[in-house]
């Protein structure tokens, strides 16, 4: 996402990166040349094909394109709302989990009194250690879910809808898989990676028994950031299994749900350091909201504008651009017959390009939503929440290995 100064008129007028110009400049130049040639011929031979059709066709085109742009803008904001919903639920889930996990006497004293000095008077017991392990497990699975959401935005359209991804997308997906492997155990990663659907060199979907951690380390050693590129010996396309599988986000949500139920302290008080049964429902509801936000994001990516409407918009736009000679009235002069049609064409081509850009707000384009920075922010907040939840008094050190701050800054899409 590009942040800009809305009060800088000249800067907004002459900016090129992230605007419609890179998408329409060749079309616009061809239309200008075509319009000038049509006026030149009409002026020499004094041919006037009439001007009434211009008003009717332009009005129809404007209505259809503006309606499409409004729908695309609504999809863009819906996607942004669902992303905010997903990360808000992740943050709330971590916060509530840190508070609901009781732990031992030392952790309980720190949680309810807020005094680290008072908590130090009590020895560290096995309940404190189990509670700390549970907090770390919840945090790493929640962060892995956020990373899996970003990975899904890269593979959902080309991979799950058309069966392959290019080498640059594969490089980005491998980076996300590397981050997941750092957060998950080998068995957890094998289960989640099998849901990605990338077909390996043997023609089998992912989820191999061989741990890819060493391969990822060698692949990304000193090779990350905006300047990173895949190896030259990689093929142009990588096959993706299009069969229906549980996707990584849902698999991680299910692992988190099982973790909560496994450490639930029931009426028998069999796990006094765990989560009280009455709190589990609230945590499960947050997981359900995360899954709903993920489904909404997936629907936006995999459900483009209906083909009949897109076909009609493109057909009418091409018809209007090709019918420029029939709109020329040589008696009105060169300005009315060259400059004005070019501006109208610029407006129509620009609106069409904007609608195409906003229909899918996920990916690595300049105007796409920046999920990487949100993940980095969630990571930093999760570390602080873990420290507030008695991580220091339990003597537990936690190094967040899912990403590095400089990577998040260098790879973000802000300008």
Foldseek 3Di string as FASTA:
>chain_A
DADDDPVPPVCVVPDDAPACCVVCVVVLVVLLVVLLVLLVVCLVVVDALDAPVVVVLLVVLVVLLVVLLVVLQVLLVLLVVLLVLLLVLLLVLLLVQLLQQCFDPLLNCCNVVVDNVVSLVDDHDPRNVVSLVLSLLSNLLSLLLLLLLQLCLLQLQCPQPPFKDFQQSVVVNLLSLLLNPVSDPQQLSLVQQQQFFWQDPVRHGGSDNDRCNVVSCVQCVVAAFPPHDHDPPDDGMTGGDNDDDPHNSVSSLVVSLVSLVVQEQEPVRPNVSGGHPVCSVVSNVSSVSSVVSSVSLSCLSHPFDDPVSVVVSVVSLVVSSVCLSSNDNNVVDDCVRNVVVSVSNVVSSSSNSSSVCSSRLRDQGLRHDWSLVSSVVSVVSSVVSSVSSCCVVSVHDDDSDSDDPVNSVRHTNYD
